[in-house]
Amino acid sequence: CSKVITCTAALQFWEKGKFSLEDKLSEYMPEFEEMTVKTEDGIKKAENPILVKHLFEMTAGFSYNCYSPQLKNAIIETDGKCPTREAMKYLAKEPLLFEPGERWEYSLCHDVLAALVEVLSGERFEIYVKKNIFDVAQMSNSSFMLPETEIETITPQYRFENGKAVNVGKPIVNYKIGSEYASGGAGGISTVDDYIKFLEGLRTHKLLKPK
């Protein structure tokens, strides 16, 4: 559910003509200019650039490894904060799984998209979303940066292990890699009632124009 909100935030800037889907990501985030890619013959320089549309499509070549070597460095070097925009500078050092646009892979693409929103808006992703989506749709119980003091208010999470649902607790341990990291792909916390308001905001064109 987080990803639809993140894409909505980004598309608000597309509607304003702030970017084209065919633009190179590096035009907005220079660290993605020179990428490497894993091949059967080792790590090589990527031949194709990452385009903005690849983030929406999940075809940029990223993985969904939130604790890759470079992101672990980000955690260490930012004292566990990993601000959303700053974390991307570390992710860009990781080799891609394949050439951008080559195929689909469920990945951190929408986390990168959240960082792009930060670049375009000039403010932190969670603040932009609150002002331009949550407040507009009157979603008072939704956030991309839930205070630690409110973790106890969310429902327990479950994961299937050996065919059984196992309670893995409330903290978002898998995708929140730092205290200041707003995960565009998995960081949204909401309620059923609030999410219905979000969907209504889309249906009634309150958040995005008809086209």
N, C-alpha and C. Protein backbone atom coordinates (compact mmCIF):
# COMPACT_ATOMS: atom_id res chain seq x y z
N CYS A 1 0.82 -1.22 0.00
CA CYS A 1 0.00 0.00 0.00
C CYS A 1 0.85 1.26 0.00
N SER A 2 2.05 1.19 0.56
CA SER A 2 2.96 2.35 0.58
C SER A 2 3.30 2.80 -0.83
N LYS A 3 3.52 1.83 -1.70
CA LYS A 3 4.02 2.15 -3.04
C LYS A 3 3.03 2.99 -3.86
N VAL A 4 1.74 2.75 -3.68
CA VAL A 4 0.75 3.53 -4.44
C VAL A 4 0.77 4.99 -3.99
N ILE A 5 0.96 5.22 -2.70
CA ILE A 5 1.06 6.58 -2.18
C ILE A 5 2.31 7.26 -2.72
N THR A 6 3.42 6.54 -2.73
CA THR A 6 4.67 7.10 -3.23
C THR A 6 4.56 7.47 -4.72
N CYS A 7 3.95 6.58 -5.50
CA CYS A 7 3.78 6.87 -6.93
C CYS A 7 2.86 8.07 -7.13
N THR A 8 1.85 8.20 -6.28
CA THR A 8 0.94 9.35 -6.37
C THR A 8 1.71 10.64 -6.11
N ALA A 9 2.57 10.63 -5.09
CA ALA A 9 3.37 11.82 -4.78
C ALA A 9 4.24 12.20 -5.97
N ALA A 10 4.89 11.21 -6.57
CA ALA A 10 5.77 11.49 -7.72
C ALA A 10 4.97 11.99 -8.92
N LEU A 11 3.80 11.40 -9.15
CA LEU A 11 2.99 11.79 -10.30
C LEU A 11 2.42 13.20 -10.16
N GLN A 12 2.32 13.68 -8.93
CA GLN A 12 1.90 15.08 -8.75
C GLN A 12 2.92 16.02 -9.39
N PHE A 13 4.19 15.66 -9.34
CA PHE A 13 5.23 16.47 -9.97
C PHE A 13 5.24 16.25 -11.48
N TRP A 14 4.90 15.04 -11.91
CA TRP A 14 4.81 14.79 -13.36
C TRP A 14 3.71 15.65 -13.96
N GLU A 15 2.58 15.77 -13.24
CA GLU A 15 1.48 16.60 -13.71
C GLU A 15 1.90 18.06 -13.88
N LYS A 16 2.83 18.49 -13.04
CA LYS A 16 3.29 19.88 -13.08
C LYS A 16 4.42 20.08 -14.09
N GLY A 17 4.78 18.99 -14.79
CA GLY A 17 5.83 19.09 -15.79
C GLY A 17 7.24 19.18 -15.23
N LYS A 18 7.41 18.70 -13.98
CA LYS A 18 8.73 18.80 -13.34
C LYS A 18 9.70 17.72 -13.81
N PHE A 19 9.18 16.68 -14.46
CA PHE A 19 10.04 15.66 -15.03
C PHE A 19 9.30 14.92 -16.12
N SER A 20 10.05 14.26 -16.98
CA SER A 20 9.48 13.38 -18.00
C SER A 20 9.83 11.95 -17.61
N LEU A 21 8.96 11.02 -17.93
CA LEU A 21 9.23 9.62 -17.62
C LEU A 21 10.46 9.11 -18.35
N GLU A 22 10.82 9.77 -19.43
CA GLU A 22 11.98 9.34 -20.22
C GLU A 22 13.28 10.02 -19.75
N ASP A 23 13.20 10.89 -18.76
CA ASP A 23 14.40 11.56 -18.25
C ASP A 23 15.34 10.56 -17.58
N LYS A 24 16.64 10.84 -17.66
CA LYS A 24 17.60 10.04 -16.91
C LYS A 24 17.49 10.39 -15.43
N LEU A 25 17.51 9.40 -14.58
CA LEU A 25 17.44 9.64 -13.15
C LEU A 25 18.60 10.52 -12.69
N SER A 26 19.75 10.37 -13.33
CA SER A 26 20.94 11.12 -12.94
C SER A 26 20.80 12.63 -13.14
N GLU A 27 19.81 13.06 -13.93
CA GLU A 27 19.58 14.49 -14.09
C GLU A 27 19.12 15.13 -12.78
N TYR A 28 18.55 14.30 -11.92
CA TYR A 28 18.04 14.78 -10.63
C TYR A 28 18.86 14.26 -9.45
N MET A 29 19.46 13.08 -9.65
CA MET A 29 20.26 12.45 -8.61
C MET A 29 21.57 11.98 -9.25
N PRO A 30 22.56 12.85 -9.28
CA PRO A 30 23.81 12.61 -10.02
C PRO A 30 24.54 11.31 -9.65
N GLU A 31 24.32 10.79 -8.45
CA GLU A 31 25.04 9.59 -8.04
C GLU A 31 24.68 8.38 -8.89
N PHE A 32 23.58 8.47 -9.64
CA PHE A 32 23.15 7.35 -10.48
C PHE A 32 23.65 7.48 -11.93
N GLU A 33 24.59 8.38 -12.15
CA GLU A 33 25.13 8.60 -13.51
C GLU A 33 25.97 7.42 -13.98
N GLU A 34 26.89 6.98 -13.15
CA GLU A 34 27.81 5.90 -13.52
C GLU A 34 27.47 4.65 -12.71
N MET A 35 26.65 3.78 -13.27
CA MET A 35 26.25 2.57 -12.57
C MET A 35 27.02 1.35 -13.06
N THR A 36 27.12 0.36 -12.19
CA THR A 36 27.72 -0.92 -12.59
C THR A 36 26.62 -1.97 -12.55
N VAL A 37 26.88 -3.09 -13.21
CA VAL A 37 25.87 -4.16 -13.27
C VAL A 37 26.57 -5.51 -13.17
N LYS A 38 25.90 -6.44 -12.50
CA LYS A 38 26.43 -7.80 -12.37
C LYS A 38 26.19 -8.57 -13.66
N THR A 39 27.22 -9.25 -14.14
CA THR A 39 27.09 -10.08 -15.34
C THR A 39 27.75 -11.43 -15.07
N GLU A 40 27.59 -12.35 -15.99
CA GLU A 40 28.22 -13.66 -15.84
C GLU A 40 29.74 -13.55 -15.83
N ASP A 41 30.24 -12.46 -16.39
CA ASP A 41 31.69 -12.26 -16.45
C ASP A 41 32.19 -11.29 -15.38
N GLY A 42 31.35 -11.06 -14.39
CA GLY A 42 31.76 -10.15 -13.33
C GLY A 42 31.02 -8.81 -13.39
N ILE A 43 31.44 -7.91 -12.57
CA ILE A 43 30.80 -6.59 -12.50
C ILE A 43 31.37 -5.67 -13.58
N LYS A 44 30.46 -5.10 -14.37
CA LYS A 44 30.88 -4.23 -15.46
C LYS A 44 30.10 -2.91 -15.42
N LYS A 45 30.56 -1.94 -16.17
CA LYS A 45 29.87 -0.66 -16.27
C LYS A 45 28.55 -0.86 -17.02
N ALA A 46 27.48 -0.30 -16.48
CA ALA A 46 26.17 -0.42 -17.12
C ALA A 46 26.17 0.32 -18.45
N GLU A 47 25.55 -0.27 -19.45
CA GLU A 47 25.49 0.33 -20.77
C GLU A 47 24.32 1.30 -20.90
N ASN A 48 23.24 1.02 -20.18
CA ASN A 48 22.04 1.85 -20.28
C ASN A 48 21.83 2.68 -19.02
N PRO A 49 21.29 3.89 -19.15
CA PRO A 49 21.02 4.72 -17.98
C PRO A 49 19.71 4.31 -17.31
N ILE A 50 19.59 4.60 -16.04
CA ILE A 50 18.31 4.43 -15.34
C ILE A 50 17.42 5.61 -15.71
N LEU A 51 16.24 5.33 -16.22
CA LEU A 51 15.28 6.38 -16.53
C LEU A 51 14.25 6.47 -15.40
N VAL A 52 13.61 7.63 -15.28
CA VAL A 52 12.62 7.81 -14.22
C VAL A 52 11.52 6.76 -14.33
N LYS A 53 11.11 6.43 -15.55
CA LYS A 53 10.03 5.45 -15.72
C LYS A 53 10.42 4.08 -15.16
N HIS A 54 11.71 3.76 -15.15
CA HIS A 54 12.16 2.48 -14.61
C HIS A 54 11.84 2.36 -13.13
N LEU A 55 11.81 3.49 -12.41
CA LEU A 55 11.49 3.46 -10.99
C LEU A 55 10.03 3.06 -10.79
N PHE A 56 9.14 3.66 -11.58
CA PHE A 56 7.72 3.32 -11.49
C PHE A 56 7.50 1.85 -11.86
N GLU A 57 8.19 1.40 -12.89
CA GLU A 57 7.99 0.04 -13.44
C GLU A 57 8.72 -1.04 -12.68
N MET A 58 9.64 -0.66 -11.79
CA MET A 58 10.53 -1.61 -11.12
C MET A 58 11.38 -2.37 -12.13
N THR A 59 11.93 -1.65 -13.06
CA THR A 59 12.81 -2.25 -14.06
C THR A 59 14.19 -1.60 -14.07
N ALA A 60 14.54 -0.92 -12.95
CA ALA A 60 15.81 -0.18 -12.91
C ALA A 60 17.02 -1.07 -12.70
N GLY A 61 16.78 -2.28 -12.14
CA GLY A 61 17.91 -3.19 -11.90
C GLY A 61 18.29 -3.33 -10.44
N PHE A 62 17.59 -2.64 -9.54
CA PHE A 62 17.88 -2.76 -8.12
C PHE A 62 17.38 -4.08 -7.56
N SER A 63 17.85 -4.43 -6.36
CA SER A 63 17.34 -5.59 -5.64
C SER A 63 16.46 -5.06 -4.50
N TYR A 64 15.98 -5.99 -3.64
CA TYR A 64 15.22 -5.55 -2.46
C TYR A 64 16.02 -5.87 -1.20
N ASN A 65 17.35 -5.83 -1.34
CA ASN A 65 18.22 -6.11 -0.19
C ASN A 65 18.46 -4.81 0.58
N CYS A 66 17.72 -4.66 1.68
CA CYS A 66 17.84 -3.44 2.49
C CYS A 66 19.12 -3.42 3.32
N TYR A 67 19.82 -4.52 3.34
CA TYR A 67 21.04 -4.59 4.13
C TYR A 67 22.22 -5.07 3.27
N SER A 68 22.29 -4.53 2.08
CA SER A 68 23.42 -4.81 1.19
C SER A 68 24.67 -4.15 1.79
N PRO A 69 25.85 -4.52 1.33
CA PRO A 69 27.08 -3.95 1.90
C PRO A 69 27.09 -2.43 1.96
N GLN A 70 26.68 -1.77 0.89
CA GLN A 70 26.71 -0.31 0.87
C GLN A 70 25.67 0.30 1.80
N LEU A 71 24.49 -0.30 1.89
CA LEU A 71 23.47 0.23 2.80
C LEU A 71 23.87 -0.02 4.26
N LYS A 72 24.60 -1.08 4.51
CA LYS A 72 25.15 -1.29 5.86
C LYS A 72 26.14 -0.17 6.18
N ASN A 73 26.94 0.23 5.18
CA ASN A 73 27.86 1.35 5.37
C ASN A 73 27.09 2.63 5.69
N ALA A 74 25.94 2.79 5.01
CA ALA A 74 25.12 3.98 5.24
C ALA A 74 24.66 4.03 6.69
N ILE A 75 24.25 2.88 7.22
CA ILE A 75 23.79 2.81 8.60
C ILE A 75 24.92 3.22 9.55
N ILE A 76 26.11 2.70 9.28
CA ILE A 76 27.26 2.98 10.14
C ILE A 76 27.68 4.45 10.04
N GLU A 77 27.82 4.94 8.82
CA GLU A 77 28.38 6.27 8.60
C GLU A 77 27.40 7.41 8.90
N THR A 78 26.10 7.09 9.03
CA THR A 78 25.12 8.12 9.40
C THR A 78 24.62 7.92 10.83
N ASP A 79 25.35 7.12 11.59
CA ASP A 79 24.99 6.85 12.99
C ASP A 79 23.57 6.31 13.12
N GLY A 80 23.19 5.45 12.19
CA GLY A 80 21.89 4.81 12.26
C GLY A 80 20.73 5.64 11.77
N LYS A 81 21.00 6.82 11.23
CA LYS A 81 19.91 7.70 10.78
C LYS A 81 19.46 7.38 9.36
N CYS A 82 20.40 7.24 8.45
CA CYS A 82 20.09 6.93 7.04
C CYS A 82 18.98 7.83 6.48
N PRO A 83 19.16 9.14 6.42
CA PRO A 83 18.14 9.98 5.80
C PRO A 83 17.84 9.48 4.39
N THR A 84 16.60 9.55 3.99
CA THR A 84 16.15 8.97 2.71
C THR A 84 17.03 9.37 1.54
N ARG A 85 17.23 10.66 1.38
CA ARG A 85 18.02 11.15 0.23
C ARG A 85 19.48 10.71 0.34
N GLU A 86 20.04 10.78 1.52
CA GLU A 86 21.44 10.42 1.73
C GLU A 86 21.68 8.93 1.47
N ALA A 87 20.72 8.10 1.84
CA ALA A 87 20.87 6.65 1.67
C ALA A 87 21.02 6.26 0.20
N MET A 88 20.42 7.06 -0.70
CA MET A 88 20.49 6.74 -2.12
C MET A 88 21.93 6.84 -2.66
N LYS A 89 22.73 7.68 -2.04
CA LYS A 89 24.12 7.83 -2.48
C LYS A 89 24.91 6.56 -2.21
N TYR A 90 24.47 5.81 -1.23
CA TYR A 90 25.09 4.51 -0.94
C TYR A 90 24.53 3.43 -1.85
N LEU A 91 23.22 3.46 -2.03
CA LEU A 91 22.58 2.46 -2.91
C LEU A 91 23.16 2.53 -4.32
N ALA A 92 23.47 3.73 -4.78
CA ALA A 92 24.00 3.91 -6.14
C ALA A 92 25.36 3.23 -6.33
N LYS A 93 26.04 2.91 -5.24
CA LYS A 93 27.35 2.25 -5.32
C LYS A 93 27.20 0.74 -5.47
N GLU A 94 26.00 0.22 -5.25
CA GLU A 94 25.77 -1.21 -5.38
C GLU A 94 25.60 -1.58 -6.86
N PRO A 95 26.18 -2.68 -7.30
CA PRO A 95 25.96 -3.12 -8.70
C PRO A 95 24.49 -3.48 -8.93
N LEU A 96 23.98 -3.13 -10.09
CA LEU A 96 22.61 -3.50 -10.46
C LEU A 96 22.56 -4.99 -10.79
N LEU A 97 21.37 -5.57 -10.69
CA LEU A 97 21.22 -6.99 -11.02
C LEU A 97 21.19 -7.22 -12.52
N PHE A 98 20.79 -6.18 -13.27
CA PHE A 98 20.69 -6.28 -14.72
C PHE A 98 20.65 -4.88 -15.31
N GLU A 99 20.77 -4.79 -16.61
CA GLU A 99 20.74 -3.50 -17.29
C GLU A 99 19.39 -2.82 -17.09
N PRO A 100 19.37 -1.54 -16.78
CA PRO A 100 18.10 -0.83 -16.59
C PRO A 100 17.17 -1.02 -17.79
N GLY A 101 15.92 -1.34 -17.50
CA GLY A 101 14.93 -1.54 -18.55
C GLY A 101 14.89 -2.93 -19.14
N GLU A 102 15.81 -3.78 -18.73
CA GLU A 102 15.92 -5.12 -19.31
C GLU A 102 14.79 -6.05 -18.89
N ARG A 103 14.41 -5.97 -17.60
CA ARG A 103 13.33 -6.83 -17.10
C ARG A 103 12.78 -6.26 -15.80
N TRP A 104 11.79 -6.95 -15.25
CA TRP A 104 11.15 -6.52 -14.00
C TRP A 104 11.78 -7.24 -12.82
N GLU A 105 11.93 -6.53 -11.72
CA GLU A 105 12.41 -7.15 -10.48
C GLU A 105 11.85 -6.36 -9.30
N TYR A 106 11.11 -7.03 -8.45
CA TYR A 106 10.58 -6.38 -7.24
C TYR A 106 11.76 -5.85 -6.44
N SER A 107 11.76 -4.58 -6.10
CA SER A 107 13.00 -3.98 -5.61
C SER A 107 12.78 -2.68 -4.85
N LEU A 108 13.87 -1.99 -4.57
CA LEU A 108 13.87 -0.71 -3.87
C LEU A 108 13.56 0.47 -4.80
N CYS A 109 13.04 0.19 -5.97
CA CYS A 109 12.76 1.27 -6.94
C CYS A 109 11.90 2.39 -6.35
N HIS A 110 10.89 2.02 -5.57
CA HIS A 110 9.99 3.05 -5.05
C HIS A 110 10.58 3.78 -3.85
N ASP A 111 11.60 3.21 -3.22
CA ASP A 111 12.35 3.94 -2.21
C ASP A 111 13.16 5.05 -2.90
N VAL A 112 13.72 4.70 -4.06
CA VAL A 112 14.46 5.71 -4.85
C VAL A 112 13.49 6.78 -5.33
N LEU A 113 12.28 6.37 -5.69
CA LEU A 113 11.26 7.32 -6.15
C LEU A 113 10.92 8.30 -5.04
N ALA A 114 10.88 7.83 -3.79
CA ALA A 114 10.62 8.72 -2.65
C ALA A 114 11.73 9.76 -2.53
N ALA A 115 12.97 9.33 -2.75
CA ALA A 115 14.09 10.27 -2.71
C ALA A 115 13.99 11.29 -3.84
N LEU A 116 13.50 10.85 -5.00
CA LEU A 116 13.30 11.78 -6.11
C LEU A 116 12.27 12.84 -5.74
N VAL A 117 11.23 12.44 -5.02
CA VAL A 117 10.24 13.41 -4.55
C VAL A 117 10.90 14.44 -3.64
N GLU A 118 11.84 13.99 -2.82
CA GLU A 118 12.56 14.93 -1.96
C GLU A 118 13.34 15.95 -2.78
N VAL A 119 13.98 15.47 -3.83
CA VAL A 119 14.74 16.37 -4.70
C VAL A 119 13.82 17.38 -5.36
N LEU A 120 12.70 16.92 -5.88
CA LEU A 120 11.77 17.78 -6.61
C LEU A 120 11.04 18.76 -5.69
N SER A 121 10.77 18.34 -4.47
CA SER A 121 10.00 19.18 -3.55
C SER A 121 10.88 20.07 -2.67
N GLY A 122 12.12 19.64 -2.47
CA GLY A 122 12.99 20.40 -1.59
C GLY A 122 12.70 20.16 -0.12
N GLU A 123 11.93 19.14 0.18
CA GLU A 123 11.64 18.82 1.57
C GLU A 123 11.60 17.31 1.77
N ARG A 124 11.64 16.89 3.00
CA ARG A 124 11.67 15.47 3.30
C ARG A 124 10.41 14.80 2.77
N PHE A 125 10.55 13.58 2.30
CA PHE A 125 9.46 12.84 1.68
C PHE A 125 8.23 12.78 2.58
N GLU A 126 8.44 12.40 3.84
CA GLU A 126 7.30 12.23 4.73
C GLU A 126 6.55 13.54 4.98
N ILE A 127 7.27 14.66 4.93
CA ILE A 127 6.64 15.97 5.11
C ILE A 127 5.83 16.34 3.88
N TYR A 128 6.42 16.12 2.69
CA TYR A 128 5.69 16.41 1.45
C TYR A 128 4.40 15.59 1.37
N VAL A 129 4.49 14.30 1.68
CA VAL A 129 3.31 13.43 1.59
C VAL A 129 2.24 13.86 2.59
N LYS A 130 2.65 14.24 3.77
CA LYS A 130 1.67 14.68 4.77
C LYS A 130 0.90 15.90 4.27
N LYS A 131 1.63 16.88 3.74
CA LYS A 131 0.99 18.13 3.31
C LYS A 131 0.17 17.97 2.04
N ASN A 132 0.63 17.14 1.11
CA ASN A 132 0.01 17.09 -0.21
C ASN A 132 -0.86 15.87 -0.48
N ILE A 133 -0.83 14.90 0.42
CA ILE A 133 -1.69 13.72 0.27
C ILE A 133 -2.50 13.48 1.54
N PHE A 134 -1.82 13.25 2.66
CA PHE A 134 -2.54 12.91 3.89
C PHE A 134 -3.46 14.04 4.36
N ASP A 135 -2.94 15.27 4.39
CA ASP A 135 -3.77 16.40 4.84
C ASP A 135 -4.90 16.69 3.85
N VAL A 136 -4.59 16.59 2.56
CA VAL A 136 -5.60 16.86 1.53
C VAL A 136 -6.75 15.86 1.62
N ALA A 137 -6.41 14.61 1.87
CA ALA A 137 -7.43 13.56 1.94
C ALA A 137 -7.96 13.37 3.36
N GLN A 138 -7.50 14.22 4.27
CA GLN A 138 -7.93 14.16 5.68
C GLN A 138 -7.62 12.80 6.31
N MET A 139 -6.39 12.34 6.06
CA MET A 139 -5.91 11.08 6.62
C MET A 139 -5.09 11.39 7.88
N SER A 140 -5.75 11.40 9.01
CA SER A 140 -5.09 11.82 10.25
C SER A 140 -4.33 10.70 10.95
N ASN A 141 -4.47 9.48 10.46
CA ASN A 141 -3.80 8.34 11.09
C ASN A 141 -2.84 7.65 10.13
N SER A 142 -2.15 8.44 9.33
CA SER A 142 -1.21 7.88 8.35
C SER A 142 0.11 8.63 8.43
N SER A 143 1.21 7.90 8.23
CA SER A 143 2.53 8.52 8.31
C SER A 143 3.58 7.65 7.63
N PHE A 144 4.63 8.29 7.14
CA PHE A 144 5.79 7.56 6.64
C PHE A 144 6.95 7.65 7.63
N MET A 145 6.69 8.29 8.78
CA MET A 145 7.72 8.42 9.80
C MET A 145 7.04 8.38 11.17
N LEU A 146 6.54 7.19 11.51
CA LEU A 146 5.84 7.02 12.77
C LEU A 146 6.82 7.17 13.93
N PRO A 147 6.53 8.05 14.88
CA PRO A 147 7.42 8.20 16.04
C PRO A 147 7.58 6.88 16.79
N GLU A 148 8.76 6.64 17.31
CA GLU A 148 9.02 5.40 18.04
C GLU A 148 8.03 5.23 19.20
N THR A 149 7.58 6.36 19.76
CA THR A 149 6.66 6.29 20.90
C THR A 149 5.28 5.77 20.51
N GLU A 150 5.02 5.71 19.18
CA GLU A 150 3.70 5.26 18.73
C GLU A 150 3.73 3.86 18.10
N ILE A 151 4.89 3.20 18.16
CA ILE A 151 5.01 1.86 17.60
C ILE A 151 3.97 0.92 18.21
N GLU A 152 3.70 1.09 19.49
CA GLU A 152 2.76 0.21 20.18
C GLU A 152 1.33 0.35 19.67
N THR A 153 1.05 1.41 18.92
CA THR A 153 -0.32 1.62 18.43
C THR A 153 -0.62 0.81 17.18
N ILE A 154 0.39 0.24 16.53
CA ILE A 154 0.13 -0.48 15.28
C ILE A 154 -0.12 -1.96 15.55
N THR A 155 -0.73 -2.60 14.58
CA THR A 155 -1.06 -4.02 14.73
C THR A 155 0.20 -4.88 14.60
N PRO A 156 0.24 -6.02 15.24
CA PRO A 156 1.39 -6.92 15.08
C PRO A 156 1.52 -7.35 13.63
N GLN A 157 2.74 -7.68 13.24
CA GLN A 157 2.98 -8.15 11.87
C GLN A 157 3.23 -9.65 11.89
N TYR A 158 2.87 -10.30 10.80
CA TYR A 158 3.03 -11.74 10.70
C TYR A 158 3.80 -12.12 9.43
N ARG A 159 4.53 -13.19 9.54
CA ARG A 159 5.26 -13.72 8.39
C ARG A 159 5.03 -15.22 8.35
N PHE A 160 4.86 -15.77 7.17
CA PHE A 160 4.68 -17.21 7.06
C PHE A 160 6.03 -17.91 7.10
N GLU A 161 6.19 -18.81 8.05
CA GLU A 161 7.40 -19.60 8.20
C GLU A 161 7.01 -21.06 8.36
N ASN A 162 7.49 -21.89 7.46
CA ASN A 162 7.17 -23.32 7.47
C ASN A 162 5.66 -23.56 7.48
N GLY A 163 4.95 -22.75 6.71
CA GLY A 163 3.52 -22.94 6.56
C GLY A 163 2.67 -22.38 7.68
N LYS A 164 3.29 -21.71 8.64
CA LYS A 164 2.53 -21.15 9.74
C LYS A 164 2.76 -19.64 9.85
N ALA A 165 1.72 -18.92 10.31
CA ALA A 165 1.82 -17.47 10.52
C ALA A 165 2.51 -17.23 11.85
N VAL A 166 3.65 -16.54 11.80
CA VAL A 166 4.43 -16.28 13.01
C VAL A 166 4.42 -14.78 13.30
N ASN A 167 4.08 -14.42 14.53
CA ASN A 167 4.08 -13.02 14.95
C ASN A 167 5.53 -12.54 15.05
N VAL A 168 5.90 -11.54 14.25
CA VAL A 168 7.27 -11.04 14.26
C VAL A 168 7.37 -9.67 14.93
N GLY A 169 6.30 -9.27 15.64
CA GLY A 169 6.36 -8.04 16.41
C GLY A 169 5.87 -6.82 15.66
N LYS A 170 6.01 -5.66 16.29
CA LYS A 170 5.49 -4.43 15.73
C LYS A 170 6.53 -3.56 15.01
N PRO A 171 7.77 -3.47 15.48
CA PRO A 171 8.76 -2.62 14.80
C PRO A 171 8.94 -3.00 13.34
N ILE A 172 9.07 -2.00 12.47
CA ILE A 172 9.27 -2.26 11.04
C ILE A 172 10.75 -2.53 10.82
N VAL A 173 11.20 -3.68 11.20
CA VAL A 173 12.63 -3.97 11.22
C VAL A 173 13.23 -4.22 9.83
N ASN A 174 12.45 -4.75 8.92
CA ASN A 174 13.01 -5.16 7.63
C ASN A 174 13.26 -4.02 6.67
N TYR A 175 12.43 -2.97 6.72
CA TYR A 175 12.51 -1.95 5.68
C TYR A 175 12.89 -0.57 6.18
N LYS A 176 12.82 -0.35 7.47
CA LYS A 176 13.23 0.94 8.03
C LYS A 176 14.70 0.83 8.43
N ILE A 177 15.59 1.14 7.51
CA ILE A 177 17.01 0.89 7.75
C ILE A 177 17.67 1.94 8.63
N GLY A 178 16.97 3.04 8.91
CA GLY A 178 17.52 4.07 9.77
C GLY A 178 16.41 4.88 10.40
N SER A 179 16.73 5.61 11.46
CA SER A 179 15.71 6.37 12.18
C SER A 179 15.12 7.51 11.36
N GLU A 180 15.84 7.96 10.31
CA GLU A 180 15.35 9.05 9.46
C GLU A 180 15.07 8.59 8.04
N TYR A 181 14.90 7.27 7.88
CA TYR A 181 14.67 6.70 6.55
C TYR A 181 13.18 6.48 6.31
N ALA A 182 12.62 7.22 5.37
CA ALA A 182 11.22 7.04 4.99
C ALA A 182 11.18 6.14 3.76
N SER A 183 10.82 4.89 3.96
CA SER A 183 10.80 3.93 2.86
C SER A 183 9.57 4.14 1.98
N GLY A 184 9.79 4.60 0.77
CA GLY A 184 8.69 4.81 -0.15
C GLY A 184 8.01 3.52 -0.55
N GLY A 185 8.73 2.41 -0.44
CA GLY A 185 8.17 1.13 -0.84
C GLY A 185 7.47 0.38 0.27
N ALA A 186 7.84 0.66 1.53
CA ALA A 186 7.27 -0.15 2.61
C ALA A 186 7.16 0.60 3.93
N GLY A 187 7.27 1.93 3.91
CA GLY A 187 7.30 2.67 5.16
C GLY A 187 6.00 3.29 5.61
N GLY A 188 4.96 3.17 4.80
CA GLY A 188 3.69 3.81 5.14
C GLY A 188 2.95 3.06 6.25
N ILE A 189 2.47 3.80 7.24
CA ILE A 189 1.65 3.23 8.30
C ILE A 189 0.30 3.91 8.21
N SER A 190 -0.78 3.14 8.17
CA SER A 190 -2.10 3.73 7.99
C SER A 190 -3.16 2.86 8.66
N THR A 191 -4.41 3.20 8.45
CA THR A 191 -5.54 2.41 8.94
C THR A 191 -6.46 2.12 7.76
N VAL A 192 -7.36 1.20 7.94
CA VAL A 192 -8.31 0.88 6.87
C VAL A 192 -9.12 2.12 6.50
N ASP A 193 -9.64 2.81 7.50
CA ASP A 193 -10.46 4.01 7.23
C ASP A 193 -9.67 5.07 6.49
N ASP A 194 -8.42 5.30 6.91
CA ASP A 194 -7.59 6.31 6.24
C ASP A 194 -7.29 5.91 4.80
N TYR A 195 -6.98 4.62 4.60
CA TYR A 195 -6.61 4.21 3.24
C TYR A 195 -7.79 4.32 2.29
N ILE A 196 -9.00 4.10 2.81
CA ILE A 196 -10.19 4.30 1.98
C ILE A 196 -10.27 5.77 1.55
N LYS A 197 -9.90 6.68 2.46
CA LYS A 197 -9.89 8.11 2.13
C LYS A 197 -8.88 8.39 1.02
N PHE A 198 -7.75 7.70 1.07
CA PHE A 198 -6.73 7.87 0.02
C PHE A 198 -7.28 7.41 -1.33
N LEU A 199 -7.90 6.24 -1.33
CA LEU A 199 -8.45 5.72 -2.58
C LEU A 199 -9.56 6.62 -3.12
N GLU A 200 -10.36 7.17 -2.21
CA GLU A 200 -11.39 8.11 -2.62
C GLU A 200 -10.76 9.38 -3.20
N GLY A 201 -9.62 9.78 -2.62
CA GLY A 201 -8.91 10.95 -3.14
C GLY A 201 -8.44 10.74 -4.56
N LEU A 202 -8.09 9.51 -4.90
CA LEU A 202 -7.71 9.19 -6.28
C LEU A 202 -8.96 9.12 -7.17
N ARG A 203 -9.98 8.45 -6.67
CA ARG A 203 -11.20 8.26 -7.47
C ARG A 203 -11.87 9.59 -7.82
N THR A 204 -11.84 10.53 -6.89
CA THR A 204 -12.52 11.81 -7.09
C THR A 204 -11.58 12.88 -7.65
N HIS A 205 -10.35 12.47 -8.00
CA HIS A 205 -9.36 13.38 -8.63
C HIS A 205 -8.94 14.52 -7.69
N LYS A 206 -9.00 14.27 -6.41
CA LYS A 206 -8.55 15.25 -5.43
C LYS A 206 -7.03 15.25 -5.33
N LEU A 207 -6.43 14.08 -5.62
CA LEU A 207 -4.98 13.93 -5.50
C LEU A 207 -4.27 13.96 -6.83
N LEU A 208 -4.90 13.44 -7.85
CA LEU A 208 -4.34 13.43 -9.21
C LEU A 208 -5.44 13.80 -10.20
N LYS A 209 -5.06 14.42 -11.29
CA LYS A 209 -6.03 14.79 -12.31
C LYS A 209 -6.53 13.53 -13.04
N PRO A 210 -7.67 13.61 -13.70
CA PRO A 210 -8.25 12.43 -14.37
C PRO A 210 -7.29 11.65 -15.27
N LYS A 211 -6.48 12.36 -16.04
CA LYS A 211 -5.63 11.61 -16.99
C LYS A 211 -4.49 10.89 -16.26
